[in-house]
Amino acid sequence: MDSLNGAQGVTVFAPTNDAFAKLPKADLDKALADDALLKKILTYHVVTTQLSPDTLAGTHKTLQGDDVTVTGGGTSFTVNGSSMVVCGNVSTANATVYIVDSVLMPKS
């Protein structure tokens, strides 16, 4: 996705392989067959600002347009009340990455 490759100073919530395995097969197949839905889901995992652990807790706007809410602190964070951050504050060329144990689904 070009919109992600060109995005600067973003935060990415990247699901683990096991997170995808938690999805019902029918839901995963539907997303993979529908480019618009897949883009909506993927961009919901990207916050428009780069967040450090000190600024991670709170409500943040995603590239998809909805908000994600992160609670917790220190080394224990939860996204949208159910997805645990299993590893975080990984720096890449244009983003900070937090690995999560569930696929985040947008509300709209």
Protein backbone atom coordinates (compact mmCIF):
# COMPACT_ATOMS: atom_id res chain seq x y z
CA MET A 1 0.00 0.00 0.00
CA ASP A 2 1.59 3.19 -1.19
CA SER A 3 -0.19 5.26 1.47
CA LEU A 4 1.68 3.33 4.17
CA ASN A 5 5.06 3.33 2.43
CA GLY A 6 4.97 7.10 2.08
CA ALA A 7 3.58 7.86 5.53
CA GLN A 8 6.05 9.59 7.81
CA GLY A 9 6.01 9.68 11.61
CA VAL A 10 3.26 7.10 12.11
CA THR A 11 2.58 4.38 14.65
CA VAL A 12 1.71 0.90 13.43
CA PHE A 13 -0.12 -1.74 15.48
CA ALA A 14 1.11 -4.91 13.75
CA PRO A 15 -0.82 -8.12 14.53
CA THR A 16 1.15 -11.30 15.18
CA ASN A 17 0.62 -14.36 12.97
CA ASP A 18 -1.41 -15.86 15.83
CA ALA A 19 -3.67 -12.77 15.76
CA PHE A 20 -4.72 -13.61 12.21
CA ALA A 21 -5.30 -17.22 13.24
CA LYS A 22 -7.85 -15.97 15.83
CA LEU A 23 -10.06 -14.52 13.07
CA PRO A 24 -12.90 -16.71 11.83
CA LYS A 25 -11.87 -18.10 8.42
CA ALA A 26 -14.98 -16.63 6.77
CA ASP A 27 -14.07 -13.12 8.03
CA LEU A 28 -10.47 -13.46 6.88
CA ASP A 29 -11.51 -14.77 3.45
CA LYS A 30 -14.02 -11.90 3.07
CA ALA A 31 -11.36 -9.28 3.86
CA LEU A 32 -8.82 -10.84 1.50
CA ALA A 33 -11.38 -10.89 -1.34
CA ASP A 34 -12.48 -7.25 -0.86
CA ASP A 35 -9.72 -4.68 -1.51
CA ALA A 36 -11.71 -1.79 0.00
CA LEU A 37 -12.43 -3.72 3.20
CA LEU A 38 -8.83 -4.92 3.45
CA LYS A 39 -7.54 -1.35 3.05
CA LYS A 40 -9.97 -0.16 5.74
CA ILE A 41 -8.73 -2.83 8.17
CA LEU A 42 -5.05 -2.26 7.40
CA THR A 43 -5.22 1.54 7.69
CA TYR A 44 -7.08 1.15 11.01
CA HIS A 45 -3.83 -0.32 12.37
CA VAL A 46 -1.91 2.92 11.62
CA VAL A 47 -2.06 6.01 13.84
CA THR A 48 -1.27 9.32 12.16
CA THR A 49 1.38 10.33 14.73
CA GLN A 50 4.48 8.61 16.05
CA LEU A 51 3.81 7.48 19.62
CA SER A 52 6.43 6.65 22.22
CA PRO A 53 5.56 4.50 25.25
CA ASP A 54 5.13 7.76 27.21
CA THR A 55 2.44 9.00 24.79
CA LEU A 56 0.88 5.66 23.80
CA ALA A 57 -2.00 5.68 26.34
CA GLY A 58 -4.97 7.67 25.07
CA THR A 59 -7.26 7.92 22.06
CA HIS A 60 -5.60 8.30 18.67
CA LYS A 61 -6.87 8.94 15.11
CA THR A 62 -6.03 6.24 12.56
CA LEU A 63 -5.36 6.61 8.83
CA GLN A 64 -8.70 4.83 8.32
CA GLY A 65 -10.46 7.69 10.17
CA ASP A 66 -11.74 5.99 13.33
CA ASP A 67 -9.99 6.19 16.69
CA VAL A 68 -8.14 3.52 18.64
CA THR A 69 -7.96 3.72 22.41
CA VAL A 70 -4.86 2.52 24.23
CA THR A 71 -4.88 1.95 27.98
CA GLY A 72 -2.15 0.94 30.38
CA GLY A 73 1.38 2.05 31.01
CA GLY A 74 4.93 0.95 31.58
CA THR A 75 5.29 -2.31 29.65
CA SER A 76 1.61 -3.31 29.70
CA PHE A 77 -0.74 -1.75 27.13
CA THR A 78 -4.12 -2.81 25.71
CA VAL A 79 -5.63 -1.51 22.45
CA ASN A 80 -9.42 -1.12 22.24
CA GLY A 81 -9.93 -3.02 25.47
CA SER A 82 -8.88 -6.44 24.21
CA SER A 83 -5.74 -6.49 22.07
CA MET A 84 -2.58 -6.72 24.16
CA VAL A 85 0.68 -5.12 23.05
CA VAL A 86 3.16 -8.01 23.19
CA CYS A 87 6.20 -6.07 22.03
CA GLY A 88 6.59 -2.39 21.44
CA ASN A 89 8.50 0.74 20.62
CA VAL A 90 10.20 -0.87 17.59
CA SER A 91 11.65 1.87 15.38
CA THR A 92 11.64 1.68 11.58
CA ALA A 93 12.61 4.27 8.97
CA ASN A 94 9.21 5.99 9.13
CA ALA A 95 7.27 4.50 12.04
CA THR A 96 7.14 3.19 15.56
CA VAL A 97 5.71 -0.33 15.68
CA TYR A 98 3.79 -2.05 18.46
CA ILE A 99 3.10 -5.78 17.99
CA VAL A 100 -0.45 -6.74 19.09
CA ASP A 101 -2.07 -10.12 19.76
CA SER A 102 -5.36 -9.42 17.91
CA VAL A 103 -6.38 -7.93 14.59
CA LEU A 104 -8.02 -4.55 15.22
CA MET A 105 -11.36 -4.08 13.48
CA PRO A 106 -12.70 -0.60 12.67
CA LYS A 107 -16.14 0.33 13.98
CA SER A 108 -17.33 1.83 10.70
